[in-house]
Amino acid sequence: MGSFKPDHAAIAALVHEDFVQRDLHERADRVVDAAQAIAPVRSGCFRDSIHAEDGPAGSVQVVSDLDYSVYVELGTRDTDAHHTIATALDAARD
């Protein structure tokens, strides 16, 4: 019986294939939609800043690029954490 030797370079390259990128972007869009639906709204800036963008090594990330978004997401000693993006990631799973 032969032994299996995975082609690690081919496996790593899969993430760059069009069908994989389409799937990643569709999933990220679902996370964005869920995050925007549950985001706390004072001015709407945080909610409206949540978006998907290409990340390193073929990844797709859901982010908010506001300077204060980390404080909304994780809270401070004076404000509660909302965990908006983290919660949306769980909610958008298949």
PDB file of N, CA and C in Angstrom:
ATOM      1  N   MET A   1       0.836  -1.169   0.000  1.00  0.00           N
ATOM      2  CA  MET A   1       0.000   0.000   0.000  1.00  0.00           C
ATOM      3  C   MET A   1       0.888   1.242   0.000  1.00  0.00           C
ATOM      4  N   GLY A   2       0.572   2.197  -0.861  1.00  0.00           N
ATOM      5  CA  GLY A   2       1.354   3.430  -0.950  1.00  0.00           C
ATOM      6  C   GLY A   2       1.029   4.385   0.185  1.00  0.00           C
ATOM      7  N   SER A   3       1.910   5.315   0.352  1.00  0.00           N
ATOM      8  CA  SER A   3       1.668   6.308   1.398  1.00  0.00           C
ATOM      9  C   SER A   3       1.222   7.625   0.766  1.00  0.00           C
ATOM     10  N   PHE A   4       0.427   8.344   1.490  1.00  0.00           N
ATOM     11  CA  PHE A   4      -0.094   9.623   1.027  1.00  0.00           C
ATOM     12  C   PHE A   4       0.889  10.720   1.390  1.00  0.00           C
ATOM     13  N   LYS A   5       1.241  11.539   0.413  1.00  0.00           N
ATOM     14  CA  LYS A   5       2.115  12.680   0.654  1.00  0.00           C
ATOM     15  C   LYS A   5       1.394  13.926   0.146  1.00  0.00           C
ATOM     16  N   PRO A   6       0.879  14.727   1.063  1.00  0.00           N
ATOM     17  CA  PRO A   6       0.134  15.914   0.634  1.00  0.00           C
ATOM     18  C   PRO A   6       1.045  16.925  -0.059  1.00  0.00           C
ATOM     19  N   ASP A   7       0.490  17.594  -1.050  1.00  0.00           N
ATOM     20  CA  ASP A   7       1.198  18.661  -1.755  1.00  0.00           C
ATOM     21  C   ASP A   7       0.864  19.967  -1.037  1.00  0.00           C
ATOM     22  N   HIS A   8       1.687  20.351  -0.085  1.00  0.00           N
ATOM     23  CA  HIS A   8       1.412  21.512   0.761  1.00  0.00           C
ATOM     24  C   HIS A   8       1.340  22.799  -0.051  1.00  0.00           C
ATOM     25  N   ALA A   9       2.137  22.932  -1.075  1.00  0.00           N
ATOM     26  CA  ALA A   9       2.093  24.141  -1.908  1.00  0.00           C
ATOM     27  C   ALA A   9       0.760  24.241  -2.642  1.00  0.00           C
ATOM     28  N   ALA A  10       0.269  23.121  -3.148  1.00  0.00           N
ATOM     29  CA  ALA A  10      -1.019  23.123  -3.844  1.00  0.00           C
ATOM     30  C   ALA A  10      -2.156  23.429  -2.878  1.00  0.00           C
ATOM     31  N   ILE A  11      -2.081  22.882  -1.677  1.00  0.00           N
ATOM     32  CA  ILE A  11      -3.116  23.144  -0.675  1.00  0.00           C
ATOM     33  C   ILE A  11      -3.116  24.617  -0.295  1.00  0.00           C
ATOM     34  N   ALA A  12      -1.938  25.192  -0.073  1.00  0.00           N
ATOM     35  CA  ALA A  12      -1.827  26.611   0.276  1.00  0.00           C
ATOM     36  C   ALA A  12      -2.313  27.505  -0.856  1.00  0.00           C
ATOM     37  N   ALA A  13      -2.139  27.078  -2.095  1.00  0.00           N
ATOM     38  CA  ALA A  13      -2.557  27.881  -3.248  1.00  0.00           C
ATOM     39  C   ALA A  13      -4.067  27.871  -3.448  1.00  0.00           C
ATOM     40  N   LEU A  14      -4.765  26.902  -2.884  1.00  0.00           N
ATOM     41  CA  LEU A  14      -6.217  26.802  -3.064  1.00  0.00           C
ATOM     42  C   LEU A  14      -6.951  28.065  -2.643  1.00  0.00           C
ATOM     43  N   VAL A  15      -6.501  28.715  -1.585  1.00  0.00           N
ATOM     44  CA  VAL A  15      -7.196  29.899  -1.086  1.00  0.00           C
ATOM     45  C   VAL A  15      -7.247  31.012  -2.131  1.00  0.00           C
ATOM     46  N   HIS A  16      -6.349  30.983  -3.095  1.00  0.00           N
ATOM     47  CA  HIS A  16      -6.310  32.028  -4.123  1.00  0.00           C
ATOM     48  C   HIS A  16      -7.176  31.696  -5.340  1.00  0.00           C
ATOM     49  N   GLU A  17      -7.750  30.524  -5.377  1.00  0.00           N
ATOM     50  CA  GLU A  17      -8.615  30.139  -6.492  1.00  0.00           C
ATOM     51  C   GLU A  17      -9.888  30.984  -6.470  1.00  0.00           C
ATOM     52  N   ASP A  18     -10.403  31.302  -7.656  1.00  0.00           N
ATOM     53  CA  ASP A  18     -11.586  32.164  -7.757  1.00  0.00           C
ATOM     54  C   ASP A  18     -12.770  31.633  -6.958  1.00  0.00           C
ATOM     55  N   PHE A  19     -13.043  30.330  -7.039  1.00  0.00           N
ATOM     56  CA  PHE A  19     -14.209  29.787  -6.354  1.00  0.00           C
ATOM     57  C   PHE A  19     -14.066  29.885  -4.842  1.00  0.00           C
ATOM     58  N   VAL A  20     -12.858  29.764  -4.335  1.00  0.00           N
ATOM     59  CA  VAL A  20     -12.632  29.887  -2.900  1.00  0.00           C
ATOM     60  C   VAL A  20     -12.774  31.351  -2.479  1.00  0.00           C
ATOM     61  N   GLN A  21     -12.216  32.264  -3.266  1.00  0.00           N
ATOM     62  CA  GLN A  21     -12.333  33.686  -2.954  1.00  0.00           C
ATOM     63  C   GLN A  21     -13.793  34.145  -2.981  1.00  0.00           C
ATOM     64  N   ARG A  22     -14.563  33.658  -3.959  1.00  0.00           N
ATOM     65  CA  ARG A  22     -15.996  33.998  -4.013  1.00  0.00           C
ATOM     66  C   ARG A  22     -16.698  33.535  -2.741  1.00  0.00           C
ATOM     67  N   ASP A  23     -16.411  32.313  -2.330  1.00  0.00           N
ATOM     68  CA  ASP A  23     -17.033  31.771  -1.131  1.00  0.00           C
ATOM     69  C   ASP A  23     -16.628  32.580   0.109  1.00  0.00           C
ATOM     70  N   LEU A  24     -15.367  32.913   0.236  1.00  0.00           N
ATOM     71  CA  LEU A  24     -14.906  33.693   1.383  1.00  0.00           C
ATOM     72  C   LEU A  24     -15.582  35.059   1.421  1.00  0.00           C
ATOM     73  N   HIS A  25     -15.706  35.704   0.266  1.00  0.00           N
ATOM     74  CA  HIS A  25     -16.335  37.028   0.210  1.00  0.00           C
ATOM     75  C   HIS A  25     -17.835  36.938   0.508  1.00  0.00           C
ATOM     76  N   GLU A  26     -18.493  35.892   0.042  1.00  0.00           N
ATOM     77  CA  GLU A  26     -19.917  35.718   0.348  1.00  0.00           C
ATOM     78  C   GLU A  26     -20.119  35.512   1.850  1.00  0.00           C
ATOM     79  N   ARG A  27     -19.257  34.730   2.455  1.00  0.00           N
ATOM     80  CA  ARG A  27     -19.349  34.505   3.896  1.00  0.00           C
ATOM     81  C   ARG A  27     -19.067  35.796   4.663  1.00  0.00           C
ATOM     82  N   ALA A  28     -18.057  36.531   4.224  1.00  0.00           N
ATOM     83  CA  ALA A  28     -17.727  37.800   4.883  1.00  0.00           C
ATOM     84  C   ALA A  28     -18.881  38.790   4.745  1.00  0.00           C
ATOM     85  N   ASP A  29     -19.542  38.807   3.604  1.00  0.00           N
ATOM     86  CA  ASP A  29     -20.692  39.701   3.419  1.00  0.00           C
ATOM     87  C   ASP A  29     -21.817  39.356   4.400  1.00  0.00           C
ATOM     88  N   ARG A  30     -22.019  38.077   4.675  1.00  0.00           N
ATOM     89  CA  ARG A  30     -23.035  37.676   5.659  1.00  0.00           C
ATOM     90  C   ARG A  30     -22.651  38.161   7.058  1.00  0.00           C
ATOM     91  N   VAL A  31     -21.371  38.089   7.368  1.00  0.00           N
ATOM     92  CA  VAL A  31     -20.906  38.575   8.667  1.00  0.00           C
ATOM     93  C   VAL A  31     -21.092  40.086   8.758  1.00  0.00           C
ATOM     94  N   VAL A  32     -20.757  40.806   7.695  1.00  0.00           N
ATOM     95  CA  VAL A  32     -20.943  42.264   7.672  1.00  0.00           C
ATOM     96  C   VAL A  32     -22.410  42.602   7.890  1.00  0.00           C
ATOM     97  N   ASP A  33     -23.296  41.934   7.160  1.00  0.00           N
ATOM     98  CA  ASP A  33     -24.736  42.197   7.305  1.00  0.00           C
ATOM     99  C   ASP A  33     -25.200  41.950   8.736  1.00  0.00           C
ATOM    100  N   ALA A  34     -24.769  40.849   9.323  1.00  0.00           N
ATOM    101  CA  ALA A  34     -25.156  40.526  10.696  1.00  0.00           C
ATOM    102  C   ALA A  34     -24.585  41.547  11.672  1.00  0.00           C
ATOM    103  N   ALA A  35     -23.333  41.944  11.494  1.00  0.00           N
ATOM    104  CA  ALA A  35     -22.702  42.918  12.389  1.00  0.00           C
ATOM    105  C   ALA A  35     -23.392  44.272  12.298  1.00  0.00           C
ATOM    106  N   GLN A  36     -23.702  44.704  11.087  1.00  0.00           N
ATOM    107  CA  GLN A  36     -24.370  45.994  10.938  1.00  0.00           C
ATOM    108  C   GLN A  36     -25.777  45.967  11.545  1.00  0.00           C
ATOM    109  N   ALA A  37     -26.424  44.804  11.511  1.00  0.00           N
ATOM    110  CA  ALA A  37     -27.770  44.684  12.068  1.00  0.00           C
ATOM    111  C   ALA A  37     -27.785  44.775  13.592  1.00  0.00           C
ATOM    112  N   ILE A  38     -26.702  44.354  14.245  1.00  0.00           N
ATOM    113  CA  ILE A  38     -26.675  44.349  15.712  1.00  0.00           C
ATOM    114  C   ILE A  38     -25.763  45.405  16.308  1.00  0.00           C
ATOM    115  N   ALA A  39     -25.103  46.193  15.464  1.00  0.00           N
ATOM    116  CA  ALA A  39     -24.162  47.204  15.955  1.00  0.00           C
ATOM    117  C   ALA A  39     -24.884  48.260  16.786  1.00  0.00           C
ATOM    118  N   PRO A  40     -24.258  48.686  17.879  1.00  0.00           N
ATOM    119  CA  PRO A  40     -24.842  49.785  18.640  1.00  0.00           C
ATOM    120  C   PRO A  40     -24.793  51.057  17.786  1.00  0.00           C
ATOM    121  N   VAL A  41     -25.858  51.844  17.852  1.00  0.00           N
ATOM    122  CA  VAL A  41     -25.917  53.041  17.001  1.00  0.00           C
ATOM    123  C   VAL A  41     -26.100  54.282  17.860  1.00  0.00           C
ATOM    124  N   ARG A  42     -25.101  55.102  17.834  1.00  0.00           N
ATOM    125  CA  ARG A  42     -25.225  56.431  18.442  1.00  0.00           C
ATOM    126  C   ARG A  42     -25.293  57.428  17.295  1.00  0.00           C
ATOM    127  N   SER A  43     -24.261  57.415  16.447  1.00  0.00           N
ATOM    128  CA  SER A  43     -24.258  58.280  15.257  1.00  0.00           C
ATOM    129  C   SER A  43     -24.423  57.458  13.981  1.00  0.00           C
ATOM    130  N   GLY A  44     -24.176  56.149  14.074  1.00  0.00           N
ATOM    131  CA  GLY A  44     -24.216  55.284  12.903  1.00  0.00           C
ATOM    132  C   GLY A  44     -22.855  55.100  12.253  1.00  0.00           C
ATOM    133  N   CYS A  45     -21.862  55.844  12.713  1.00  0.00           N
ATOM    134  CA  CYS A  45     -20.529  55.749  12.102  1.00  0.00           C
ATOM    135  C   CYS A  45     -19.911  54.368  12.287  1.00  0.00           C
ATOM    136  N   PHE A  46     -20.013  53.817  13.487  1.00  0.00           N
ATOM    137  CA  PHE A  46     -19.438  52.490  13.719  1.00  0.00           C
ATOM    138  C   PHE A  46     -20.122  51.468  12.832  1.00  0.00           C
ATOM    139  N   ARG A  47     -21.448  51.437  12.866  1.00  0.00           N
ATOM    140  CA  ARG A  47     -22.206  50.479  12.045  1.00  0.00           C
ATOM    141  C   ARG A  47     -21.819  50.602  10.570  1.00  0.00           C
ATOM    142  N   ASP A  48     -21.768  51.819  10.072  1.00  0.00           N
ATOM    143  CA  ASP A  48     -21.496  52.042   8.657  1.00  0.00           C
ATOM    144  C   ASP A  48     -20.047  51.760   8.268  1.00  0.00           C
ATOM    145  N   SER A  49     -19.165  51.711   9.261  1.00  0.00           N
ATOM    146  CA  SER A  49     -17.745  51.466   8.962  1.00  0.00           C
ATOM    147  C   SER A  49     -17.411  49.979   8.862  1.00  0.00           C
ATOM    148  N   ILE A  50     -18.310  49.120   9.274  1.00  0.00           N
ATOM    149  CA  ILE A  50     -18.041  47.681   9.250  1.00  0.00           C
ATOM    150  C   ILE A  50     -18.084  47.204   7.807  1.00  0.00           C
ATOM    151  N   HIS A  51     -16.996  46.571   7.370  1.00  0.00           N
ATOM    152  CA  HIS A  51     -16.899  46.118   5.988  1.00  0.00           C
ATOM    153  C   HIS A  51     -15.921  44.946   5.892  1.00  0.00           C
ATOM    154  N   ALA A  52     -15.936  44.299   4.737  1.00  0.00           N
ATOM    155  CA  ALA A  52     -14.990  43.204   4.463  1.00  0.00           C
ATOM    156  C   ALA A  52     -13.884  43.739   3.572  1.00  0.00           C
ATOM    157  N   GLU A  53     -12.703  43.220   3.789  1.00  0.00           N
ATOM    158  CA  GLU A  53     -11.570  43.593   2.934  1.00  0.00           C
ATOM    159  C   GLU A  53     -10.622  42.413   2.810  1.00  0.00           C
ATOM    160  N   ASP A  54      -9.872  42.423   1.739  1.00  0.00           N
ATOM    161  CA  ASP A  54      -8.885  41.369   1.536  1.00  0.00           C
ATOM    162  C   ASP A  54      -7.792  41.489   2.579  1.00  0.00           C
ATOM    163  N   GLY A  55      -7.415  40.356   3.136  1.00  0.00           N
ATOM    164  CA  GLY A  55      -6.367  40.316   4.144  1.00  0.00           C
ATOM    165  C   GLY A  55      -5.146  39.589   3.604  1.00  0.00           C
ATOM    166  N   PRO A  56      -4.205  39.307   4.467  1.00  0.00           N
ATOM    167  CA  PRO A  56      -2.981  38.638   4.038  1.00  0.00           C
ATOM    168  C   PRO A  56      -3.224  37.185   3.632  1.00  0.00           C
ATOM    169  N   ALA A  57      -2.421  36.715   2.736  1.00  0.00           N
ATOM    170  CA  ALA A  57      -2.392  35.302   2.321  1.00  0.00           C
ATOM    171  C   ALA A  57      -3.742  34.797   1.824  1.00  0.00           C
ATOM    172  N   GLY A  58      -4.510  35.662   1.157  1.00  0.00           N
ATOM    173  CA  GLY A  58      -5.774  35.235   0.585  1.00  0.00           C
ATOM    174  C   GLY A  58      -6.953  35.263   1.539  1.00  0.00           C
ATOM    175  N   SER A  59      -6.737  35.753   2.745  1.00  0.00           N
ATOM    176  CA  SER A  59      -7.833  35.806   3.709  1.00  0.00           C
ATOM    177  C   SER A  59      -8.765  36.974   3.402  1.00  0.00           C
ATOM    178  N   VAL A  60      -9.944  36.926   3.982  1.00  0.00           N
ATOM    179  CA  VAL A  60     -10.900  38.026   3.911  1.00  0.00           C
ATOM    180  C   VAL A  60     -11.263  38.368   5.345  1.00  0.00           C
ATOM    181  N   GLN A  61     -11.152  39.645   5.695  1.00  0.00           N
ATOM    182  CA  GLN A  61     -11.371  40.068   7.069  1.00  0.00           C
ATOM    183  C   GLN A  61     -12.585  40.979   7.156  1.00  0.00           C
ATOM    184  N   VAL A  62     -13.307  40.887   8.253  1.00  0.00           N
ATOM    185  CA  VAL A  62     -14.398  41.816   8.539  1.00  0.00           C
ATOM    186  C   VAL A  62     -13.862  42.776   9.593  1.00  0.00           C
ATOM    187  N   VAL A  63     -13.888  44.067   9.261  1.00  0.00           N
ATOM    188  CA  VAL A  63     -13.246  45.071  10.109  1.00  0.00           C
ATOM    189  C   VAL A  63     -14.085  46.336  10.193  1.00  0.00           C
ATOM    190  N   SER A  64     -13.743  47.152  11.154  1.00  0.00           N
ATOM    191  CA  SER A  64     -14.172  48.538  11.228  1.00  0.00           C
ATOM    192  C   SER A  64     -12.884  49.327  11.342  1.00  0.00           C
ATOM    193  N   ASP A  65     -12.709  50.314  10.488  1.00  0.00           N
ATOM    194  CA  ASP A  65     -11.452  51.053  10.510  1.00  0.00           C
ATOM    195  C   ASP A  65     -11.550  52.392  11.256  1.00  0.00           C
ATOM    196  N   LEU A  66     -12.577  52.539  12.071  1.00  0.00           N
ATOM    197  CA  LEU A  66     -12.663  53.737  12.908  1.00  0.00           C
ATOM    198  C   LEU A  66     -11.642  53.652  14.025  1.00  0.00           C
ATOM    199  N   ASP A  67     -11.103  54.800  14.411  1.00  0.00           N
ATOM    200  CA  ASP A  67     -10.120  54.824  15.491  1.00  0.00           C
ATOM    201  C   ASP A  67     -10.665  54.245  16.791  1.00  0.00           C
ATOM    202  N   TYR A  68     -11.948  54.434  17.044  1.00  0.00           N
ATOM    203  CA  TYR A  68     -12.522  54.003  18.320  1.00  0.00           C
ATOM    204  C   TYR A  68     -13.250  52.665  18.250  1.00  0.00           C
ATOM    205  N   SER A  69     -13.191  51.990  17.120  1.00  0.00           N
ATOM    206  CA  SER A  69     -13.946  50.738  16.983  1.00  0.00           C
ATOM    207  C   SER A  69     -13.497  49.664  17.975  1.00  0.00           C
ATOM    208  N   VAL A  70     -12.235  49.635  18.306  1.00  0.00           N
ATOM    209  CA  VAL A  70     -11.752  48.641  19.273  1.00  0.00           C
ATOM    210  C   VAL A  70     -12.432  48.838  20.629  1.00  0.00           C
ATOM    211  N   TYR A  71     -12.733  50.080  20.981  1.00  0.00           N
ATOM    212  CA  TYR A  71     -13.379  50.354  22.265  1.00  0.00           C
ATOM    213  C   TYR A  71     -14.855  49.941  22.247  1.00  0.00           C
ATOM    214  N   VAL A  72     -15.490  50.073  21.083  1.00  0.00           N
ATOM    215  CA  VAL A  72     -16.871  49.618  20.956  1.00  0.00           C
ATOM    216  C   VAL A  72     -16.907  48.094  21.025  1.00  0.00           C
ATOM    217  N   GLU A  73     -15.997  47.456  20.303  1.00  0.00           N
ATOM    218  CA  GLU A  73     -15.975  45.993  20.230  1.00  0.00           C
ATOM    219  C   GLU A  73     -15.589  45.369  21.571  1.00  0.00           C
ATOM    220  N   LEU A  74     -14.515  45.860  22.178  1.00  0.00           N
ATOM    221  CA  LEU A  74     -13.957  45.222  23.370  1.00  0.00           C
ATOM    222  C   LEU A  74     -14.280  45.936  24.674  1.00  0.00           C
ATOM    223  N   GLY A  75     -14.797  47.153  24.589  1.00  0.00           N
ATOM    224  CA  GLY A  75     -15.139  47.921  25.777  1.00  0.00           C
ATOM    225  C   GLY A  75     -13.917  48.541  26.437  1.00  0.00           C
ATOM    226  N   THR A  76     -14.183  49.287  27.471  1.00  0.00           N
ATOM    227  CA  THR A  76     -13.129  49.891  28.296  1.00  0.00           C
ATOM    228  C   THR A  76     -13.517  49.655  29.748  1.00  0.00           C
ATOM    229  N   ARG A  77     -12.742  50.153  30.649  1.00  0.00           N
ATOM    230  CA  ARG A  77     -13.134  49.969  32.060  1.00  0.00           C
ATOM    231  C   ARG A  77     -14.392  50.762  32.388  1.00  0.00           C
ATOM    232  N   ASP A  78     -14.715  51.762  31.523  1.00  0.00           N
ATOM    233  CA  ASP A  78     -15.903  52.587  31.772  1.00  0.00           C
ATOM    234  C   ASP A  78     -17.096  52.240  30.890  1.00  0.00           C
ATOM    235  N   THR A  79     -16.884  51.446  29.849  1.00  0.00           N
ATOM    236  CA  THR A  79     -17.985  51.104  28.941  1.00  0.00           C
ATOM    237  C   THR A  79     -17.998  49.598  28.686  1.00  0.00           C
ATOM    238  N   ASP A  80     -19.174  49.076  28.486  1.00  0.00           N
ATOM    239  CA  ASP A  80     -19.322  47.649  28.219  1.00  0.00           C
ATOM    240  C   ASP A  80     -18.850  47.301  26.811  1.00  0.00           C
ATOM    241  N   ALA A  81     -18.370  46.099  26.649  1.00  0.00           N
ATOM    242  CA  ALA A  81     -18.005  45.580  25.329  1.00  0.00           C
ATOM    243  C   ALA A  81     -19.272  45.175  24.597  1.00  0.00           C
ATOM    244  N   HIS A  82     -19.288  45.390  23.283  1.00  0.00           N
ATOM    245  CA  HIS A  82     -20.448  44.990  22.482  1.00  0.00           C
ATOM    246  C   HIS A  82     -20.183  43.706  21.701  1.00  0.00           C
ATOM    247  N   HIS A  83     -18.933  43.393  21.425  1.00  0.00           N
ATOM    248  CA  HIS A  83     -18.570  42.180  20.690  1.00  0.00           C
ATOM    249  C   HIS A  83     -19.388  42.043  19.398  1.00  0.00           C
ATOM    250  N   THR A  84     -19.588  43.148  18.716  1.00  0.00           N
ATOM    251  CA  THR A  84     -20.444  43.180  17.530  1.00  0.00           C
ATOM    252  C   THR A  84     -19.947  42.242  16.439  1.00  0.00           C
ATOM    253  N   ILE A  85     -18.693  42.393  16.054  1.00  0.00           N
ATOM    254  CA  ILE A  85     -18.154  41.584  14.952  1.00  0.00           C
ATOM    255  C   ILE A  85     -18.001  40.127  15.391  1.00  0.00           C
ATOM    256  N   ALA A  86     -17.562  39.916  16.608  1.00  0.00           N
ATOM    257  CA  ALA A  86     -17.422  38.538  17.102  1.00  0.00           C
ATOM    258  C   ALA A  86     -18.768  37.829  17.151  1.00  0.00           C
ATOM    259  N   THR A  87     -19.801  38.517  17.617  1.00  0.00           N
ATOM    260  CA  THR A  87     -21.137  37.936  17.676  1.00  0.00           C
ATOM    261  C   THR A  87     -21.667  37.663  16.272  1.00  0.00           C
ATOM    262  N   ALA A  88     -21.419  38.596  15.364  1.00  0.00           N
ATOM    263  CA  ALA A  88     -21.882  38.433  13.979  1.00  0.00           C
ATOM    264  C   ALA A  88     -21.206  37.246  13.309  1.00  0.00           C
ATOM    265  N   LEU A  89     -19.949  37.016  13.631  1.00  0.00           N
ATOM    266  CA  LEU A  89     -19.241  35.867  13.067  1.00  0.00           C
ATOM    267  C   LEU A  89     -19.916  34.575  13.486  1.00  0.00           C
ATOM    268  N   ASP A  90     -20.298  34.477  14.731  1.00  0.00           N
ATOM    269  CA  ASP A  90     -21.020  33.287  15.195  1.00  0.00           C
ATOM    270  C   ASP A  90     -22.400  33.181  14.554  1.00  0.00           C
ATOM    271  N   ALA A  91     -23.094  34.303  14.414  1.00  0.00           N
ATOM    272  CA  ALA A  91     -24.457  34.305  13.870  1.00  0.00           C
ATOM    273  C   ALA A  91     -24.489  33.964  12.391  1.00  0.00           C
ATOM    274  N   ALA A  92     -23.428  34.253  11.676  1.00  0.00           N
ATOM    275  CA  ALA A  92     -23.422  34.058  10.226  1.00  0.00           C
ATOM    276  C   ALA A  92     -22.914  32.682   9.794  1.00  0.00           C
ATOM    277  N   ARG A  93     -22.606  31.832  10.744  1.00  0.00           N
ATOM    278  CA  ARG A  93     -22.138  30.485  10.383  1.00  0.00           C
ATOM    279  C   ARG A  93     -23.241  29.705   9.708  1.00  0.00           C
ATOM    280  N   ASP A  94     -22.831  28.833   8.805  1.00  0.00           N
ATOM    281  CA  ASP A  94     -23.805  27.968   8.117  1.00  0.00           C
ATOM    282  C   ASP A  94     -24.386  26.945   9.043  1.00  0.00           C
TER     283      ASP A  94
END
